[in-house]
Amino acid sequence: PKITDSAMAADLKAATSQSQKADPAEQAKLYDTAIGFWEQAVELCDGRAKDRALRNLADNQRVRKSLEEMLGSGAECAGSQKDANALQELARQATTERRWQDAASLYRKAENMWDLAAERCSGAQQQLATQKRDQVAIDGHNVEFCAPRFERAREFQTKFRNTSATLTPTEKQTQQQITETLWREAVAQCKGAAGDLARNNAQTVSRERGTAWTAMLPPDLPSLPTPRANPPAAAPAAATPARNTAGTGATTGAAPASVANGVAGAVSTA
């Protein structure tokens, strides 16, 4: 039991160092210490205690191997990864604060830094940097082009549902057409989980209405930034939507702030 306590305490220090993105050499030393304790526990323990020691030893050895690869790639690789992680964290913070343009700029900087890390690293660390570069590129696209549209559709739908009891059948049909159109516009610019959720929302509105969709937008709808090229795997864009002249426009407000899977968490959880 005493050696297990020592091993778990060393594990906590190593894991904390990793979560705080400490210098890889420092992390390696802490994991070496934890591995040493778990190796002793494997020799001294029996039954469940030994199984637990084996699992923790294997987990720590995997982390230590990745640190060895990082250190073997040199200081430039480690430095680039550290800077890229820092920029990515700043972008996530801007996303939780709904500062879409700031977040997009920070994600582009993080993408550039991960690209540099991919050039400077080798082996598994190079693959990791490439994967993260591709992911932050998606996150950057979403916070700039998806989030404002997702937020607008969600807020219009909320307003519609809060007032639907007072609307005539014709007015209700019009509001549902607008709601679906706004969700379809979000689908066209959202990638990943956010795009899937926007598509599901559009389909739900369509089922509730029960009639064919006609593209329609509220009057005086503010324009939003559009990417130079259409994003891959986007839903087919509708023909130029008609403008509703009934006088009901989209509202503006704050999107939910939780971040999960890039921008999807920021714009999809109510």
Protein backbone atom coordinates (compact mmCIF):
# COMPACT_ATOMS: atom_id res chain seq x y z
CA PRO A 1 0.00 0.00 0.00
CA LYS A 2 2.79 2.46 0.84
CA ILE A 3 4.50 2.03 -2.53
CA THR A 4 1.10 2.47 -4.24
CA ASP A 5 0.60 5.76 -2.38
CA SER A 6 4.01 6.94 -3.50
CA ALA A 7 3.31 5.91 -7.09
CA MET A 8 -0.04 7.68 -7.19
CA ALA A 9 1.44 10.84 -5.70
CA ALA A 10 4.14 10.79 -8.39
CA ASP A 11 1.44 10.18 -11.00
CA LEU A 12 -0.41 13.29 -9.87
CA LYS A 13 2.70 15.45 -10.14
CA ALA A 14 3.48 14.11 -13.60
CA ALA A 15 -0.09 14.53 -14.85
CA THR A 16 -0.26 18.07 -13.45
CA SER A 17 2.98 18.94 -15.21
CA GLN A 18 1.58 17.57 -18.46
CA SER A 19 -1.73 19.46 -18.14
CA GLN A 20 0.16 22.69 -17.46
CA LYS A 21 2.28 22.05 -20.55
CA ALA A 22 5.53 22.22 -18.61
CA ASP A 23 8.87 21.81 -20.34
CA PRO A 24 9.00 18.31 -21.91
CA ALA A 25 12.28 17.52 -20.14
CA GLU A 26 10.69 18.31 -16.78
CA GLN A 27 7.68 16.18 -17.62
CA ALA A 28 9.97 13.31 -18.61
CA LYS A 29 11.73 13.40 -15.23
CA LEU A 30 8.44 13.30 -13.35
CA TYR A 31 7.16 10.40 -15.43
CA ASP A 32 10.43 8.54 -14.90
CA THR A 33 9.88 8.87 -11.16
CA ALA A 34 6.30 7.63 -11.41
CA ILE A 35 7.33 4.72 -13.64
CA GLY A 36 9.97 3.70 -11.10
CA PHE A 37 7.38 3.55 -8.31
CA TRP A 38 4.91 1.57 -10.42
CA GLU A 39 7.61 -0.92 -11.39
CA GLN A 40 8.27 -1.50 -7.69
CA ALA A 41 4.53 -1.88 -7.08
CA VAL A 42 4.30 -4.53 -9.80
CA GLU A 43 6.99 -6.55 -8.02
CA LEU A 44 5.62 -6.11 -4.50
CA CYS A 45 1.85 -6.27 -4.99
CA ASP A 46 -0.57 -9.11 -5.71
CA GLY A 47 -4.12 -9.43 -6.99
CA ARG A 48 -6.05 -6.25 -7.82
CA ALA A 49 -3.23 -4.06 -6.53
CA LYS A 50 -0.82 -5.63 -9.02
CA ASP A 51 -3.32 -5.29 -11.88
CA ARG A 52 -3.74 -1.62 -11.02
CA ALA A 53 0.01 -1.14 -10.96
CA LEU A 54 0.38 -2.79 -14.37
CA ARG A 55 -2.29 -0.55 -15.91
CA ASN A 56 -0.75 2.62 -14.53
CA LEU A 57 2.74 1.53 -15.53
CA ALA A 58 1.60 0.91 -19.11
CA ASP A 59 -0.16 4.30 -19.28
CA ASN A 60 2.89 6.15 -17.98
CA GLN A 61 5.22 4.31 -20.34
CA ARG A 62 3.08 5.41 -23.31
CA VAL A 63 3.25 9.04 -22.20
CA ARG A 64 6.98 8.76 -21.57
CA LYS A 65 7.50 7.37 -25.07
CA SER A 66 5.72 10.33 -26.63
CA LEU A 67 7.85 12.69 -24.56
CA GLU A 68 10.97 10.88 -25.72
CA GLU A 69 9.89 11.38 -29.33
CA MET A 70 9.28 15.05 -28.67
CA LEU A 71 12.66 15.50 -26.99
CA GLY A 72 14.33 13.52 -29.77
CA SER A 73 12.90 15.92 -32.34
CA GLY A 74 14.79 18.74 -30.70
CA ALA A 75 14.10 21.98 -28.92
CA GLU A 76 12.63 23.64 -32.02
CA CYS A 77 9.94 20.96 -32.27
CA ALA A 78 9.05 21.22 -28.58
CA GLY A 79 9.08 25.01 -28.68
CA SER A 80 6.79 25.16 -31.70
CA GLN A 81 4.33 22.75 -30.10
CA LYS A 82 4.30 24.75 -26.88
CA ASP A 83 3.63 28.01 -28.75
CA ALA A 84 0.94 26.37 -30.89
CA ASN A 85 -0.82 25.01 -27.81
CA ALA A 86 -0.70 28.44 -26.17
CA LEU A 87 -2.24 30.13 -29.24
CA GLN A 88 -4.88 27.41 -29.48
CA GLU A 89 -5.84 27.95 -25.84
CA LEU A 90 -6.17 31.71 -26.42
CA ALA A 91 -8.42 30.97 -29.39
CA ARG A 92 -10.61 28.69 -27.27
CA GLN A 93 -10.91 31.39 -24.63
CA ALA A 94 -11.98 33.92 -27.26
CA THR A 95 -14.54 31.39 -28.50
CA THR A 96 -16.08 30.98 -25.04
CA GLU A 97 -16.37 34.77 -24.88
CA ARG A 98 -18.05 34.81 -28.32
CA ARG A 99 -15.34 37.03 -29.77
CA TRP A 100 -15.65 35.30 -33.13
CA GLN A 101 -13.28 37.47 -35.17
CA ASP A 102 -10.59 37.46 -32.47
CA ALA A 103 -10.95 33.69 -32.16
CA ALA A 104 -10.67 33.23 -35.92
CA SER A 105 -7.46 35.28 -36.01
CA LEU A 106 -5.96 33.31 -33.12
CA TYR A 107 -6.90 29.99 -34.71
CA ARG A 108 -5.14 31.06 -37.91
CA LYS A 109 -2.03 31.87 -35.89
CA ALA A 110 -2.28 28.50 -34.14
CA GLU A 111 -2.70 26.79 -37.52
CA ASN A 112 0.48 28.47 -38.78
CA MET A 113 2.38 27.45 -35.65
CA TRP A 114 1.21 23.83 -35.90
CA ASP A 115 2.28 23.88 -39.54
CA LEU A 116 5.72 25.04 -38.44
CA ALA A 117 5.80 22.32 -35.79
CA ALA A 118 4.99 19.73 -38.46
CA GLU A 119 8.04 20.92 -40.40
CA ARG A 120 10.32 20.84 -37.36
CA CYS A 121 9.15 17.58 -35.79
CA SER A 122 9.46 14.00 -36.96
CA GLY A 123 7.73 10.67 -36.45
CA ALA A 124 4.66 10.59 -34.21
CA GLN A 125 5.16 14.21 -33.16
CA GLN A 126 5.01 15.31 -36.77
CA GLN A 127 1.78 13.35 -37.29
CA LEU A 128 0.31 14.93 -34.15
CA ALA A 129 1.24 18.43 -35.30
CA THR A 130 -0.35 17.78 -38.70
CA GLN A 131 -3.56 16.51 -37.11
CA LYS A 132 -3.78 19.52 -34.81
CA ARG A 133 -3.08 21.89 -37.68
CA ASP A 134 -6.00 20.40 -39.63
CA GLN A 135 -8.30 20.59 -36.59
CA VAL A 136 -7.57 24.22 -35.75
CA ALA A 137 -8.14 25.10 -39.42
CA ILE A 138 -11.66 23.70 -39.05
CA ASP A 139 -12.15 25.49 -35.72
CA GLY A 140 -10.96 28.74 -37.23
CA HIS A 141 -13.37 28.41 -40.16
CA ASN A 142 -16.25 27.62 -37.81
CA VAL A 143 -15.78 30.53 -35.43
CA GLU A 144 -15.55 32.99 -38.33
CA PHE A 145 -18.22 31.68 -40.71
CA CYS A 146 -20.32 29.08 -38.86
CA ALA A 147 -20.80 30.52 -35.37
CA PRO A 148 -22.47 33.82 -36.39
CA ARG A 149 -24.95 31.98 -38.64
CA PHE A 150 -25.60 29.25 -36.09
CA GLU A 151 -26.18 31.85 -33.40
CA ARG A 152 -28.53 33.85 -35.62
CA ALA A 153 -30.61 30.78 -36.53
CA ARG A 154 -30.82 29.62 -32.94
CA GLU A 155 -31.91 33.01 -31.67
CA PHE A 156 -34.53 33.46 -34.41
CA GLN A 157 -35.93 30.01 -33.66
CA THR A 158 -36.10 30.80 -29.93
CA LYS A 159 -37.96 34.05 -30.61
CA PHE A 160 -40.35 32.28 -32.97
CA ARG A 161 -41.18 29.56 -30.46
CA ASN A 162 -41.76 32.11 -27.70
CA THR A 163 -44.31 33.99 -29.84
CA SER A 164 -45.79 31.18 -31.97
CA ALA A 165 -48.98 30.97 -29.86
CA THR A 166 -49.91 34.50 -30.91
CA LEU A 167 -49.34 33.99 -34.65
CA THR A 168 -51.89 33.18 -37.32
CA PRO A 169 -51.35 29.95 -39.30
CA THR A 170 -49.99 31.94 -42.24
CA GLU A 171 -47.60 33.92 -40.03
CA LYS A 172 -46.46 30.72 -38.35
CA GLN A 173 -45.71 29.10 -41.72
CA THR A 174 -43.69 32.16 -42.74
CA GLN A 175 -41.66 32.12 -39.54
CA GLN A 176 -40.96 28.40 -39.94
CA GLN A 177 -39.77 28.95 -43.52
CA ILE A 178 -37.40 31.68 -42.30
CA THR A 179 -36.15 29.50 -39.45
CA GLU A 180 -35.38 26.60 -41.77
CA THR A 181 -33.65 28.92 -44.24
CA LEU A 182 -31.42 30.32 -41.51
CA TRP A 183 -30.49 26.82 -40.36
CA ARG A 184 -29.72 25.82 -43.97
CA GLU A 185 -27.43 28.82 -44.29
CA ALA A 186 -25.62 27.63 -41.15
CA VAL A 187 -25.30 24.11 -42.60
CA ALA A 188 -23.62 25.56 -45.69
CA GLN A 189 -20.85 27.14 -43.61
CA CYS A 190 -20.49 24.82 -40.60
CA LYS A 191 -18.08 21.90 -40.51
CA GLY A 192 -18.02 18.89 -38.22
CA ALA A 193 -20.39 18.53 -35.27
CA ALA A 194 -21.77 22.06 -35.62
CA GLY A 195 -22.80 21.34 -39.21
CA ASP A 196 -24.48 18.09 -38.21
CA LEU A 197 -26.46 19.83 -35.50
CA ALA A 198 -27.52 22.68 -37.80
CA ARG A 199 -28.70 20.11 -40.37
CA ASN A 200 -30.70 18.24 -37.72
CA ASN A 201 -32.32 21.48 -36.61
CA ALA A 202 -33.31 22.37 -40.18
CA GLN A 203 -34.81 18.90 -40.67
CA THR A 204 -36.75 19.18 -37.40
CA VAL A 205 -38.30 22.50 -38.45
CA SER A 206 -39.20 20.99 -41.83
CA ARG A 207 -40.95 18.03 -40.20
CA GLU A 208 -42.86 20.29 -37.82
CA ARG A 209 -44.07 22.50 -40.69
CA GLY A 210 -45.08 19.61 -42.93
CA THR A 211 -44.95 21.59 -46.19
CA ALA A 212 -42.36 22.11 -48.90
CA TRP A 213 -39.52 24.47 -48.02
CA THR A 214 -39.29 27.85 -49.73
CA ALA A 215 -36.13 29.84 -49.07
CA MET A 216 -37.08 33.00 -47.19
CA LEU A 217 -35.22 35.51 -45.05
CA PRO A 218 -36.34 38.39 -42.82
CA PRO A 219 -35.95 41.94 -44.16
CA ASP A 220 -32.81 43.95 -43.49
CA LEU A 221 -30.85 40.88 -42.42
CA PRO A 222 -27.26 41.96 -41.65
CA SER A 223 -24.63 40.45 -43.93
CA LEU A 224 -22.10 38.04 -42.48
CA PRO A 225 -18.54 37.22 -43.61
CA THR A 226 -18.30 34.57 -46.33
CA PRO A 227 -15.22 32.45 -47.11
CA ARG A 228 -13.52 32.93 -50.44
CA ALA A 229 -14.16 29.32 -51.36
CA ASN A 230 -17.05 27.13 -50.32
CA PRO A 231 -16.12 24.76 -47.47
CA PRO A 232 -15.91 21.07 -48.36
CA ALA A 233 -18.90 18.81 -47.75
CA ALA A 234 -21.25 21.76 -47.41
CA ALA A 235 -24.96 21.30 -47.94
CA PRO A 236 -26.29 22.60 -51.27
CA ALA A 237 -27.01 26.30 -51.01
CA ALA A 238 -30.51 27.45 -51.81
CA ALA A 239 -31.31 29.81 -54.62
CA THR A 240 -31.45 33.46 -53.63
CA PRO A 241 -33.92 33.45 -50.71
CA ALA A 242 -36.96 35.67 -50.77
CA ARG A 243 -37.12 38.42 -48.19
CA ASN A 244 -40.09 38.30 -45.86
CA THR A 245 -41.85 41.65 -45.63
CA ALA A 246 -43.85 40.81 -42.53
CA GLY A 247 -41.39 42.77 -40.45
CA THR A 248 -39.98 40.06 -38.18
CA GLY A 249 -36.20 40.18 -38.07
CA ALA A 250 -33.52 38.09 -36.42
CA THR A 251 -32.53 39.09 -32.95
CA THR A 252 -29.00 39.47 -31.66
CA GLY A 253 -27.70 38.03 -28.44
CA ALA A 254 -25.09 35.82 -26.82
CA ALA A 255 -24.45 32.25 -27.81
CA PRO A 256 -23.89 29.59 -25.12
CA ALA A 257 -20.31 29.55 -23.92
CA SER A 258 -19.36 25.93 -23.39
CA VAL A 259 -16.60 24.75 -25.71
CA ALA A 260 -16.44 21.16 -26.90
CA ASN A 261 -15.24 19.90 -30.21
CA GLY A 262 -14.15 23.30 -31.37
CA VAL A 263 -16.90 25.82 -32.00
CA ALA A 264 -19.66 23.20 -31.91
CA GLY A 265 -19.83 23.40 -28.13
CA ALA A 266 -19.87 27.18 -28.15
CA VAL A 267 -22.83 27.46 -30.47
CA SER A 268 -24.78 24.25 -30.01
CA THR A 269 -25.54 23.87 -26.33
CA ALA A 270 -28.40 25.87 -24.92
